[in-house]
Amino acid sequence: MSKPPSADIGEKLSKSIEEAQEVCAAEGASKECAAAWDEVEELSSTVADQRIAAKSATKDPLEQYCKDEPQADECRVYED
């Protein structure tokens, strides 16, 4: 079973959002503001990827069953 998104990444994402808001409030539409939001976007994407991986790892119970019981009728594979 895969782990849920790391709490460490979640904390880092929260801090990055706060920093981006502070930078943008102080400097407006600057390069630093854009870079801060780019970092937020990358961290958010990482969290989303981890969630997708966790869901797909537990998606098919038949696949896990067949790993445990490869000789079961439900797990037989026939070739043409």
N, C-alpha and C. Protein backbone atom coordinates (compact mmCIF):
# COMPACT_ATOMS: atom_id res chain seq x y z
N MET A 1 0.84 -1.17 0.00
CA MET A 1 0.00 0.00 0.00
C MET A 1 0.89 1.24 0.00
N SER A 2 0.63 2.21 -0.84
CA SER A 2 1.43 3.41 -0.94
C SER A 2 1.09 4.37 0.18
N LYS A 3 2.07 5.21 0.48
CA LYS A 3 1.88 6.20 1.52
C LYS A 3 1.09 7.39 0.99
N PRO A 4 0.31 8.04 1.85
CA PRO A 4 -0.35 9.28 1.43
C PRO A 4 0.70 10.36 1.25
N PRO A 5 0.30 11.48 0.64
CA PRO A 5 1.28 12.55 0.45
C PRO A 5 1.98 12.88 1.76
N SER A 6 3.26 13.08 1.67
CA SER A 6 4.08 13.33 2.84
C SER A 6 3.65 14.59 3.57
N ALA A 7 3.60 14.51 4.88
CA ALA A 7 3.26 15.68 5.69
C ALA A 7 4.32 16.75 5.52
N ASP A 8 5.58 16.32 5.31
CA ASP A 8 6.67 17.26 5.10
C ASP A 8 6.42 18.10 3.85
N ILE A 9 6.00 17.49 2.78
CA ILE A 9 5.71 18.23 1.54
C ILE A 9 4.50 19.13 1.75
N GLY A 10 3.51 18.65 2.49
CA GLY A 10 2.34 19.47 2.79
C GLY A 10 2.70 20.72 3.57
N GLU A 11 3.59 20.56 4.55
CA GLU A 11 4.05 21.72 5.33
C GLU A 11 4.84 22.68 4.46
N LYS A 12 5.69 22.12 3.62
CA LYS A 12 6.50 22.95 2.72
C LYS A 12 5.60 23.71 1.75
N LEU A 13 4.54 23.06 1.28
CA LEU A 13 3.59 23.71 0.38
C LEU A 13 2.89 24.87 1.09
N SER A 14 2.45 24.65 2.31
CA SER A 14 1.80 25.71 3.08
C SER A 14 2.73 26.90 3.29
N LYS A 15 3.98 26.62 3.65
CA LYS A 15 4.96 27.69 3.85
C LYS A 15 5.23 28.43 2.55
N SER A 16 5.30 27.70 1.44
CA SER A 16 5.55 28.32 0.15
C SER A 16 4.40 29.24 -0.26
N ILE A 17 3.18 28.83 0.04
CA ILE A 17 2.01 29.66 -0.27
C ILE A 17 2.07 30.96 0.54
N GLU A 18 2.38 30.83 1.83
CA GLU A 18 2.49 32.02 2.68
C GLU A 18 3.58 32.96 2.17
N GLU A 19 4.74 32.38 1.81
CA GLU A 19 5.85 33.20 1.31
C GLU A 19 5.47 33.88 0.00
N ALA A 20 4.80 33.17 -0.88
CA ALA A 20 4.39 33.75 -2.17
C ALA A 20 3.42 34.90 -1.95
N GLN A 21 2.50 34.73 -1.02
CA GLN A 21 1.55 35.80 -0.73
C GLN A 21 2.26 37.03 -0.17
N GLU A 22 3.23 36.80 0.70
CA GLU A 22 3.99 37.91 1.28
C GLU A 22 4.81 38.64 0.23
N VAL A 23 5.52 37.87 -0.62
CA VAL A 23 6.35 38.46 -1.66
C VAL A 23 5.49 39.26 -2.63
N CYS A 24 4.37 38.70 -3.03
CA CYS A 24 3.50 39.37 -3.99
C CYS A 24 2.81 40.59 -3.39
N ALA A 25 2.50 40.54 -2.10
CA ALA A 25 1.88 41.69 -1.45
C ALA A 25 2.88 42.85 -1.36
N ALA A 26 4.15 42.51 -1.13
CA ALA A 26 5.17 43.53 -0.98
C ALA A 26 5.66 44.07 -2.33
N GLU A 27 5.77 43.19 -3.31
CA GLU A 27 6.40 43.58 -4.57
C GLU A 27 5.47 43.59 -5.76
N GLY A 28 4.23 43.16 -5.60
CA GLY A 28 3.31 43.13 -6.74
C GLY A 28 3.71 42.10 -7.77
N ALA A 29 3.55 42.46 -9.03
CA ALA A 29 3.80 41.52 -10.14
C ALA A 29 5.28 41.53 -10.54
N SER A 30 6.14 41.09 -9.63
CA SER A 30 7.58 41.06 -9.90
C SER A 30 8.00 39.65 -10.31
N LYS A 31 9.25 39.54 -10.72
CA LYS A 31 9.81 38.23 -11.07
C LYS A 31 9.87 37.33 -9.83
N GLU A 32 10.14 37.94 -8.69
CA GLU A 32 10.20 37.17 -7.44
C GLU A 32 8.84 36.59 -7.09
N CYS A 33 7.80 37.37 -7.36
CA CYS A 33 6.43 36.92 -7.11
C CYS A 33 6.11 35.73 -8.01
N ALA A 34 6.44 35.85 -9.28
CA ALA A 34 6.18 34.76 -10.24
C ALA A 34 6.96 33.51 -9.86
N ALA A 35 8.20 33.68 -9.44
CA ALA A 35 9.03 32.54 -9.04
C ALA A 35 8.47 31.86 -7.80
N ALA A 36 7.96 32.65 -6.86
CA ALA A 36 7.38 32.08 -5.65
C ALA A 36 6.15 31.24 -5.98
N TRP A 37 5.30 31.74 -6.88
CA TRP A 37 4.11 30.98 -7.25
C TRP A 37 4.48 29.76 -8.10
N ASP A 38 5.57 29.82 -8.86
CA ASP A 38 6.05 28.65 -9.60
C ASP A 38 6.44 27.53 -8.64
N GLU A 39 7.09 27.92 -7.54
CA GLU A 39 7.46 26.92 -6.53
C GLU A 39 6.22 26.29 -5.91
N VAL A 40 5.21 27.11 -5.63
CA VAL A 40 3.95 26.60 -5.08
C VAL A 40 3.33 25.61 -6.06
N GLU A 41 3.33 25.96 -7.33
CA GLU A 41 2.75 25.08 -8.35
C GLU A 41 3.48 23.75 -8.43
N GLU A 42 4.81 23.78 -8.37
CA GLU A 42 5.59 22.54 -8.42
C GLU A 42 5.31 21.64 -7.22
N LEU A 43 5.25 22.24 -6.04
CA LEU A 43 4.96 21.45 -4.83
C LEU A 43 3.54 20.89 -4.88
N SER A 44 2.61 21.68 -5.36
CA SER A 44 1.23 21.22 -5.49
C SER A 44 1.13 20.05 -6.46
N SER A 45 1.88 20.13 -7.53
CA SER A 45 1.90 19.04 -8.51
C SER A 45 2.48 17.76 -7.90
N THR A 46 3.51 17.91 -7.08
CA THR A 46 4.11 16.75 -6.42
C THR A 46 3.11 16.08 -5.48
N VAL A 47 2.38 16.88 -4.73
CA VAL A 47 1.36 16.34 -3.82
C VAL A 47 0.29 15.61 -4.62
N ALA A 48 -0.16 16.21 -5.72
CA ALA A 48 -1.19 15.59 -6.55
C ALA A 48 -0.69 14.27 -7.14
N ASP A 49 0.55 14.25 -7.60
CA ASP A 49 1.13 13.02 -8.16
C ASP A 49 1.17 11.91 -7.11
N GLN A 50 1.52 12.27 -5.88
CA GLN A 50 1.57 11.28 -4.82
C GLN A 50 0.18 10.73 -4.51
N ARG A 51 -0.83 11.59 -4.54
CA ARG A 51 -2.20 11.13 -4.30
C ARG A 51 -2.66 10.18 -5.40
N ILE A 52 -2.34 10.50 -6.63
CA ILE A 52 -2.72 9.64 -7.76
C ILE A 52 -2.03 8.30 -7.64
N ALA A 53 -0.75 8.32 -7.31
CA ALA A 53 0.00 7.06 -7.15
C ALA A 53 -0.58 6.22 -6.02
N ALA A 54 -0.97 6.85 -4.93
CA ALA A 54 -1.55 6.12 -3.80
C ALA A 54 -2.87 5.49 -4.18
N LYS A 55 -3.69 6.21 -4.95
CA LYS A 55 -4.99 5.67 -5.37
C LYS A 55 -4.81 4.52 -6.36
N SER A 56 -3.89 4.66 -7.31
CA SER A 56 -3.73 3.62 -8.32
C SER A 56 -3.11 2.36 -7.73
N ALA A 57 -2.35 2.50 -6.66
CA ALA A 57 -1.74 1.34 -6.02
C ALA A 57 -2.79 0.47 -5.35
N THR A 58 -3.88 1.04 -4.92
CA THR A 58 -4.92 0.28 -4.23
C THR A 58 -6.19 0.14 -5.07
N LYS A 59 -6.10 0.40 -6.34
CA LYS A 59 -7.28 0.49 -7.19
C LYS A 59 -7.93 -0.87 -7.49
N ASP A 60 -7.16 -1.88 -7.81
CA ASP A 60 -7.72 -3.13 -8.28
C ASP A 60 -7.49 -4.27 -7.29
N PRO A 61 -8.50 -4.63 -6.52
CA PRO A 61 -8.33 -5.72 -5.55
C PRO A 61 -8.08 -7.07 -6.21
N LEU A 62 -8.59 -7.26 -7.43
CA LEU A 62 -8.36 -8.53 -8.14
C LEU A 62 -6.87 -8.70 -8.46
N GLU A 63 -6.21 -7.61 -8.79
CA GLU A 63 -4.79 -7.69 -9.08
C GLU A 63 -4.01 -8.16 -7.87
N GLN A 64 -4.32 -7.63 -6.69
CA GLN A 64 -3.65 -8.06 -5.47
C GLN A 64 -3.99 -9.53 -5.17
N TYR A 65 -5.24 -9.91 -5.36
CA TYR A 65 -5.64 -11.30 -5.14
C TYR A 65 -4.84 -12.24 -6.04
N CYS A 66 -4.70 -11.86 -7.30
CA CYS A 66 -3.98 -12.72 -8.25
C CYS A 66 -2.49 -12.79 -7.95
N LYS A 67 -1.95 -11.75 -7.33
CA LYS A 67 -0.55 -11.83 -6.90
C LYS A 67 -0.40 -12.87 -5.80
N ASP A 68 -1.41 -12.93 -4.92
CA ASP A 68 -1.37 -13.87 -3.81
C ASP A 68 -1.78 -15.29 -4.22
N GLU A 69 -2.69 -15.40 -5.17
CA GLU A 69 -3.25 -16.69 -5.60
C GLU A 69 -3.18 -16.82 -7.13
N PRO A 70 -2.00 -16.94 -7.71
CA PRO A 70 -1.89 -16.96 -9.17
C PRO A 70 -2.58 -18.15 -9.85
N GLN A 71 -2.84 -19.23 -9.13
CA GLN A 71 -3.46 -20.40 -9.73
C GLN A 71 -4.99 -20.39 -9.65
N ALA A 72 -5.56 -19.38 -9.06
CA ALA A 72 -7.02 -19.29 -8.93
C ALA A 72 -7.66 -19.15 -10.31
N ASP A 73 -8.86 -19.69 -10.46
CA ASP A 73 -9.57 -19.62 -11.74
C ASP A 73 -9.72 -18.19 -12.23
N GLU A 74 -9.97 -17.27 -11.32
CA GLU A 74 -10.18 -15.87 -11.70
C GLU A 74 -8.92 -15.22 -12.27
N CYS A 75 -7.78 -15.85 -12.03
CA CYS A 75 -6.50 -15.24 -12.41
C CYS A 75 -5.87 -15.89 -13.62
N ARG A 76 -6.50 -16.87 -14.19
CA ARG A 76 -5.92 -17.54 -15.36
C ARG A 76 -5.90 -16.61 -16.57
N VAL A 77 -4.83 -16.71 -17.31
CA VAL A 77 -4.69 -15.93 -18.54
C VAL A 77 -4.60 -16.89 -19.71
N TYR A 78 -5.46 -16.68 -20.68
CA TYR A 78 -5.48 -17.54 -21.86
C TYR A 78 -4.93 -16.78 -23.05
N GLU A 79 -4.11 -17.46 -23.82
CA GLU A 79 -3.55 -16.85 -25.03
C GLU A 79 -4.23 -17.48 -26.23
N ASP A 80 -4.42 -16.67 -27.27
CA ASP A 80 -5.05 -17.17 -28.49
C ASP A 80 -4.15 -18.08 -29.26
